[in-house]
């Protein structure tokens, strides 16, 4: 028996869906109810499950594709050797109820690799002029494959949208004492750079040690919270427009001076693209900063297998009688395992530690 899984009508306000991920390959054995792909529109994300037990024979979609409703995306057979006429599923259907096209227009579309499923006809059916307009539009755009870095970001975003219940809190904190401390630390230790960001990050690590429950993630498959015994700190870093999340493992074991040196070294190695795989994976908690881009506030995306990300931004454009170094410190967190009261206490403790800085 041959079963084609078609794109369901997910959203009445759209005519197509985006493919977030394809979870099965040709030749795979799948069970009824097993997830085979994930689709999304502007409003929702839907997991598509196999309707039968069988073998994946044809996969007609890949990550990033835009597919119209009712089009087949995966074809499954009950046995591995069962005959399938692939053209039946890959060739546009001239007489289908949702696509009507003249023979001349169909030939023109096939000769120029135009997907008629993505064409809106000017009348009751698709004509040659509709194909010619589509050809003209396609010449005005350049298509490219996603880079490996972009694919990694897409995987992270897909994980976030499918699994995390995000909440956000923020607190305005006076960084005046930190600025003074950082300037003195740089002078006393002969540093060629100001360690302001690294000091903030180090204090955050100490805060995580105090509230170790935020150093965790929710395991969906087992319905349990997994708390890391080590603080493996992921720090977002930009290199030539590409965003990375290098990881400083066992960050809580370092004193301030060693921590500053390790962050500096990690950043230097990242710029050279010389970090190994272990140094780019395994974060248990993360921190993001857009202060260098004069951003006054941002809401970061929680990384996979974490539940908390601190967000640092630039100084705010207002002052008080005693300071001009106020900044919004925000955090995104997984509301399934943390609540607002708990996170408020984390931010308050972080602020108190900043106002009582020592290098020990």
Protein backbone atom coordinates (compact mmCIF):
# COMPACT_ATOMS: atom_id res chain seq x y z
CA UNK A 1 0.00 0.00 0.00
CA UNK A 2 1.27 3.47 -0.93
CA UNK A 3 0.50 6.44 1.32
CA UNK A 4 1.30 10.03 0.43
CA UNK A 5 1.50 12.55 3.26
CA UNK A 6 0.22 15.88 1.95
CA UNK A 7 0.58 19.38 3.38
CA UNK A 8 -2.47 19.98 5.62
CA UNK A 9 -4.37 23.26 5.74
CA UNK A 10 -2.73 24.75 8.82
CA UNK A 11 -3.66 28.42 8.55
CA UNK A 12 -6.64 29.85 6.68
CA UNK A 13 -4.75 33.12 6.15
CA UNK A 14 -1.96 31.54 4.10
CA UNK A 15 -1.72 29.33 1.04
CA UNK A 16 1.58 27.62 1.78
CA UNK A 17 3.85 26.49 4.60
CA UNK A 18 7.58 26.58 5.31
CA UNK A 19 9.48 23.39 6.01
CA UNK A 20 11.25 23.74 9.36
CA UNK A 21 12.84 20.30 9.32
CA UNK A 22 12.55 16.85 7.73
CA UNK A 23 13.01 14.10 10.31
CA UNK A 24 13.12 11.10 7.95
CA UNK A 25 15.24 9.99 5.00
CA UNK A 26 14.54 7.73 2.04
CA UNK A 27 14.81 4.12 3.20
CA UNK A 28 13.96 4.82 6.85
CA UNK A 29 11.51 2.56 8.64
CA UNK A 30 8.78 4.62 10.35
CA UNK A 31 5.95 3.80 12.69
CA UNK A 32 2.45 5.19 12.68
CA UNK A 33 2.44 8.39 14.73
CA UNK A 34 6.19 8.98 14.31
CA UNK A 35 7.20 12.57 13.47
CA UNK A 36 8.46 12.83 9.89
CA UNK A 37 8.65 16.60 9.38
CA UNK A 38 7.83 19.95 10.94
CA UNK A 39 5.98 22.71 9.09
CA UNK A 40 5.20 26.29 10.03
CA UNK A 41 3.30 29.37 8.95
CA UNK A 42 3.53 32.87 10.37
CA UNK A 43 1.16 31.86 13.15
CA UNK A 44 1.91 28.29 14.12
CA UNK A 45 4.23 25.30 13.95
CA UNK A 46 2.88 21.79 13.30
CA UNK A 47 4.54 18.40 13.67
CA UNK A 48 3.53 16.05 10.82
CA UNK A 49 3.29 12.40 11.80
CA UNK A 50 3.28 9.25 9.69
CA UNK A 51 -0.22 7.95 9.12
CA UNK A 52 0.97 4.35 8.67
CA UNK A 53 3.76 1.91 9.47
CA UNK A 54 6.12 1.55 6.54
CA UNK A 55 9.19 2.74 4.68
CA UNK A 56 10.05 6.22 3.44
CA UNK A 57 10.28 5.97 -0.36
CA UNK A 58 10.13 9.57 -1.58
CA UNK A 59 10.94 12.83 0.21
CA UNK A 60 9.74 15.88 -1.71
CA UNK A 61 10.74 18.60 0.75
CA UNK A 62 13.83 19.96 2.46
CA UNK A 63 14.43 22.50 5.18
CA UNK A 64 13.56 26.01 4.01
CA UNK A 65 11.18 24.95 1.21
CA UNK A 66 7.88 26.76 0.71
CA UNK A 67 5.11 24.31 -0.22
CA UNK A 68 1.47 24.85 -1.07
CA UNK A 69 -1.35 23.09 0.75
CA UNK A 70 -2.37 19.61 -0.42
CA UNK A 71 0.99 19.00 -2.14
CA UNK A 72 2.72 15.69 -1.23
CA UNK A 73 5.80 15.96 0.97
CA UNK A 74 6.58 12.32 1.85
CA UNK A 75 5.53 9.02 0.26
CA UNK A 76 5.48 5.82 2.34
CA UNK A 77 5.07 2.21 1.24
CA UNK A 78 4.16 -0.77 3.37
CA UNK A 79 7.16 -2.75 2.05
CA UNK A 80 10.61 -1.71 0.88
CA UNK A 81 10.20 -3.23 -2.58
CA UNK A 82 6.70 -2.04 -3.45
CA UNK A 83 6.58 -0.32 -6.86
CA UNK A 84 6.05 3.45 -6.86
CA UNK A 85 5.54 5.66 -9.90
CA UNK A 86 7.58 8.67 -8.78
CA UNK A 87 6.27 10.88 -11.59
CA UNK A 88 2.81 10.61 -10.07
CA UNK A 89 4.06 12.56 -7.06
CA UNK A 90 6.77 14.79 -8.53
CA UNK A 91 5.06 16.01 -11.69
CA UNK A 92 2.52 18.87 -11.39
CA UNK A 93 -1.02 17.61 -11.78
CA UNK A 94 -2.68 19.33 -14.71
CA UNK A 95 -6.17 18.19 -13.82
CA UNK A 96 -6.04 18.62 -10.06
CA UNK A 97 -8.85 20.51 -8.44
CA UNK A 98 -6.61 23.25 -7.07
CA UNK A 99 -4.34 23.79 -10.13
CA UNK A 100 -5.75 24.29 -13.63
CA UNK A 101 -3.29 25.12 -16.41
CA UNK A 102 -3.20 25.20 -20.21
CA UNK A 103 -1.01 22.66 -21.98
CA UNK A 104 1.13 25.44 -23.48
CA UNK A 105 1.65 27.01 -20.05
CA UNK A 106 2.47 23.62 -18.50
CA UNK A 107 5.12 22.93 -21.15
CA UNK A 108 6.61 26.38 -20.63
CA UNK A 109 6.72 25.84 -16.85
CA UNK A 110 8.39 22.43 -17.16
CA UNK A 111 11.03 23.72 -19.62
CA UNK A 112 11.96 26.57 -17.27
CA UNK A 113 11.73 24.77 -13.90
CA UNK A 114 8.83 26.92 -12.70
CA UNK A 115 6.76 25.43 -9.85
CA UNK A 116 3.16 26.01 -10.91
CA UNK A 117 2.03 25.33 -7.36
CA UNK A 118 3.45 28.72 -6.35
CA UNK A 119 1.76 30.69 -9.16
CA UNK A 120 -1.46 32.65 -8.66
CA UNK A 121 -3.37 32.60 -11.97
CA UNK A 122 -4.68 35.85 -13.45
CA UNK A 123 -8.00 34.18 -14.26
CA UNK A 124 -9.69 30.83 -13.80
CA UNK A 125 -6.55 28.91 -14.89
CA UNK A 126 -2.82 29.38 -15.34
CA UNK A 127 -1.89 30.64 -18.81
CA UNK A 128 1.39 31.26 -20.61
CA UNK A 129 1.45 34.90 -19.53
CA UNK A 130 1.33 33.82 -15.87
CA UNK A 131 4.38 31.61 -16.43
CA UNK A 132 6.23 34.40 -18.26
CA UNK A 133 5.54 36.80 -15.38
CA UNK A 134 6.87 34.22 -12.92
CA UNK A 135 10.01 33.78 -15.05
CA UNK A 136 10.54 37.54 -15.10
CA UNK A 137 10.12 37.79 -11.31
CA UNK A 138 12.57 34.95 -10.71
CA UNK A 139 15.22 36.79 -12.74
CA UNK A 140 14.99 39.73 -10.31
CA UNK A 141 15.99 37.62 -7.33
CA UNK A 142 19.04 35.62 -6.36
CA UNK A 143 18.60 32.37 -4.47
CA UNK A 144 21.33 30.79 -2.39
CA UNK A 145 21.76 27.84 -0.07
CA UNK A 146 21.93 28.45 3.67
CA UNK A 147 25.43 28.40 5.13
CA UNK A 148 26.25 25.82 7.80
CA UNK A 149 26.17 28.61 10.39
CA UNK A 150 22.72 29.72 9.21
CA UNK A 151 21.49 26.12 9.28
CA UNK A 152 22.72 25.85 12.86
CA UNK A 153 20.84 29.03 13.78
CA UNK A 154 17.72 27.70 12.07
CA UNK A 155 17.94 24.47 14.08
CA UNK A 156 18.25 26.51 17.28
CA UNK A 157 15.26 28.69 16.37
CA UNK A 158 13.19 25.65 15.44
CA UNK A 159 14.04 23.99 18.77
CA UNK A 160 13.08 27.18 20.60
CA UNK A 161 9.75 27.54 18.84
CA UNK A 162 8.79 23.88 19.24
CA UNK A 163 9.92 23.19 22.80
CA UNK A 164 10.37 26.32 24.92
CA UNK A 165 7.73 28.44 26.67
CA UNK A 166 9.61 31.73 26.73
CA UNK A 167 9.15 34.47 29.29
CA UNK A 168 11.17 37.64 29.74
CA UNK A 169 12.06 39.91 32.66
CA UNK A 170 14.33 42.94 32.93
CA UNK A 171 15.83 45.21 35.54
CA UNK A 172 17.52 48.60 35.19
CA UNK A 173 20.90 48.41 36.93
CA UNK A 174 23.46 51.10 37.70
CA UNK A 175 26.85 49.97 36.35
CA UNK A 176 28.82 52.92 37.73
CA UNK A 177 30.72 50.81 40.28
CA UNK A 178 31.50 48.17 37.65
CA UNK A 179 32.97 50.78 35.29
CA UNK A 180 35.22 52.11 38.07
CA UNK A 181 36.26 48.59 39.07
CA UNK A 182 36.98 47.59 35.44
CA UNK A 183 39.13 50.66 34.81
CA UNK A 184 41.16 50.02 37.97
CA UNK A 185 41.51 46.30 37.20
CA UNK A 186 42.78 47.08 33.70
CA UNK A 187 45.39 49.51 35.06
CA UNK A 188 46.51 47.30 37.95
CA UNK A 189 46.93 44.23 35.72
CA UNK A 190 48.36 45.95 32.64
CA UNK A 191 45.62 44.74 30.30
CA UNK A 192 45.49 46.03 26.73
CA UNK A 193 41.68 45.90 26.78
CA UNK A 194 38.99 46.97 29.22
CA UNK A 195 37.52 43.91 31.01
CA UNK A 196 34.11 45.50 31.71
CA UNK A 197 32.08 42.85 29.84
CA UNK A 198 34.12 39.95 31.23
CA UNK A 199 33.63 41.24 34.78
CA UNK A 200 29.86 41.39 34.27
CA UNK A 201 29.98 37.87 32.86
CA UNK A 202 32.08 36.56 35.76
CA UNK A 203 29.60 38.00 38.27
CA UNK A 204 26.82 36.32 36.32
CA UNK A 205 28.63 32.98 36.70
CA UNK A 206 28.82 33.54 40.47
CA UNK A 207 25.10 34.30 40.44
CA UNK A 208 24.42 31.03 38.62
CA UNK A 209 26.33 29.18 41.34
CA UNK A 210 24.00 30.75 43.90
CA UNK A 211 20.86 29.89 41.90
CA UNK A 212 21.89 26.61 40.27
CA UNK A 213 18.32 25.79 39.23
CA UNK A 214 18.67 28.21 36.29
CA UNK A 215 21.65 26.14 35.11
CA UNK A 216 19.26 23.56 33.73
CA UNK A 217 16.90 22.52 30.96
CA UNK A 218 13.62 20.66 30.61
CA UNK A 219 13.85 17.19 29.06
CA UNK A 220 10.62 16.78 27.08
CA UNK A 221 11.02 13.09 26.43
CA UNK A 222 11.26 12.20 30.13
CA UNK A 223 9.32 15.15 31.58
CA UNK A 224 12.15 16.00 33.95
CA UNK A 225 14.40 18.96 34.81
CA UNK A 226 18.10 18.33 34.20
CA UNK A 227 20.42 20.51 36.33
CA UNK A 228 24.08 20.77 35.28
CA UNK A 229 26.67 20.33 38.03
CA UNK A 230 29.09 22.54 36.09
CA UNK A 231 28.57 26.06 34.76
CA UNK A 232 29.34 25.73 31.06
CA UNK A 233 28.87 29.30 29.91
CA UNK A 234 27.83 30.05 26.33
CA UNK A 235 28.71 33.60 25.23
CA UNK A 236 27.27 34.97 21.98
CA UNK A 237 29.99 36.45 19.78
CA UNK A 238 29.82 38.07 16.35
CA UNK A 239 32.50 37.36 13.75
CA UNK A 240 32.08 39.11 10.39
CA UNK A 241 28.30 39.01 10.65
CA UNK A 242 28.13 35.36 11.74
CA UNK A 243 26.82 34.70 15.24
CA UNK A 244 28.54 32.02 17.32
CA UNK A 245 27.98 30.62 20.80
CA UNK A 246 31.41 29.50 22.06
CA UNK A 247 31.35 27.76 25.42
CA UNK A 248 33.63 28.34 28.40
CA UNK A 249 33.44 25.00 30.21
CA UNK A 250 33.72 24.86 34.01
CA UNK A 251 33.57 28.65 34.14
CA UNK A 252 32.83 28.68 37.88
CA UNK A 253 36.24 27.12 38.63
CA UNK A 254 38.10 30.26 37.48
CA UNK A 255 39.07 33.30 39.51
CA UNK A 256 38.40 36.70 37.96
CA UNK A 257 41.81 37.19 36.34
CA UNK A 258 41.86 33.71 34.80
CA UNK A 259 38.26 34.10 33.67
CA UNK A 260 39.05 37.39 31.87
CA UNK A 261 42.04 35.79 30.16
CA UNK A 262 40.01 32.75 29.08
CA UNK A 263 37.24 34.90 27.56
CA UNK A 264 39.83 36.99 25.71
CA UNK A 265 41.60 33.86 24.43
CA UNK A 266 38.31 32.26 23.35
CA UNK A 267 37.32 35.37 21.42
CA UNK A 268 40.75 35.55 19.76
CA UNK A 269 40.59 31.90 18.71
CA UNK A 270 37.04 32.36 17.41
CA UNK A 271 38.13 35.24 15.16
CA UNK A 272 40.75 32.90 13.72
CA UNK A 273 38.07 30.18 13.35
CA UNK A 274 40.31 27.86 15.40
CA UNK A 275 37.92 26.75 18.15
CA UNK A 276 37.29 23.01 18.22
CA UNK A 277 33.88 21.33 18.27
CA UNK A 278 33.82 20.94 22.07
CA UNK A 279 34.39 24.68 22.48
CA UNK A 280 31.31 25.42 20.38
CA UNK A 281 28.89 23.02 22.09
CA UNK A 282 27.62 22.01 25.50
CA UNK A 283 26.41 25.29 27.01
CA UNK A 284 24.36 24.90 30.20
CA UNK A 285 23.53 28.62 30.46
CA UNK A 286 24.16 31.61 28.21
CA UNK A 287 24.78 35.34 28.07
CA UNK A 288 24.23 37.71 25.16
CA UNK A 289 25.43 41.29 24.70
CA UNK A 290 24.53 43.86 22.04
CA UNK A 291 26.10 46.78 23.90
CA UNK A 292 28.70 47.26 21.16
CA UNK A 293 25.89 47.99 18.70
CA UNK A 294 24.30 50.74 20.85
CA UNK A 295 21.24 48.60 21.52
CA UNK A 296 19.36 49.68 24.63
CA UNK A 297 17.39 46.45 25.07
CA UNK A 298 17.00 43.04 23.43
CA UNK A 299 15.20 39.75 24.05
CA UNK A 300 17.47 36.78 23.24
CA UNK A 301 16.45 33.31 22.09
CA UNK A 302 17.11 30.51 24.58
CA UNK A 303 19.68 28.03 23.23
CA UNK A 304 18.89 24.30 23.02
CA UNK A 305 19.33 22.34 26.26
CA UNK A 306 19.34 25.50 28.36
CA UNK A 307 16.58 27.44 30.09
CA UNK A 308 18.06 30.89 30.74
CA UNK A 309 19.92 33.57 28.80
CA UNK A 310 21.04 36.89 30.25
CA UNK A 311 20.86 39.92 27.95
CA UNK A 312 23.25 42.87 28.32
CA UNK A 313 22.79 46.11 26.39
CA UNK A 314 24.27 49.59 26.05
CA UNK A 315 23.95 52.37 28.63
CA UNK A 316 20.61 54.16 28.65
CA UNK A 317 20.43 57.82 27.52
CA UNK A 318 19.49 59.18 30.91
CA UNK A 319 21.33 60.06 34.11
CA UNK A 320 20.73 60.60 37.79
CA UNK A 321 22.50 62.91 40.23
CA UNK A 322 25.04 60.18 40.97
CA UNK A 323 25.42 58.16 37.77
CA UNK A 324 25.13 58.03 33.99
CA UNK A 325 25.81 54.31 33.65
CA UNK A 326 22.34 52.79 33.82
CA UNK A 327 21.55 49.81 31.62
CA UNK A 328 18.73 47.34 31.06
CA UNK A 329 19.68 43.82 32.13
CA UNK A 330 17.13 41.39 30.77
CA UNK A 331 16.75 37.64 30.62
CA UNK A 332 14.78 35.12 28.62
CA UNK A 333 13.83 31.99 30.52
CA UNK A 334 11.82 28.83 30.09
CA UNK A 335 8.56 29.41 31.95
CA UNK A 336 7.93 25.67 32.21
CA UNK A 337 10.56 25.36 34.96
CA UNK A 338 11.10 28.95 36.20
CA UNK A 339 8.69 31.62 37.36
CA UNK A 340 8.84 35.39 37.58
CA UNK A 341 9.47 35.52 41.33
CA UNK A 342 12.48 33.20 41.07
CA UNK A 343 13.99 35.11 38.16
CA UNK A 344 13.41 38.46 39.90
CA UNK A 345 15.50 37.20 42.81
CA UNK A 346 18.26 36.16 40.39
CA UNK A 347 18.42 39.63 38.84
CA UNK A 348 18.35 41.32 42.24
CA UNK A 349 21.21 39.14 43.50
CA UNK A 350 23.19 39.87 40.31
CA UNK A 351 22.76 43.60 40.90
CA UNK A 352 23.84 43.33 44.55
CA UNK A 353 26.98 41.43 43.56
CA UNK A 354 27.89 44.11 41.02
CA UNK A 355 27.65 46.79 43.68
CA UNK A 356 29.95 44.86 46.02
CA UNK A 357 32.69 43.78 43.64
CA UNK A 358 35.91 42.13 44.72
CA UNK A 359 38.36 40.13 42.62
CA UNK A 360 38.03 36.99 44.77
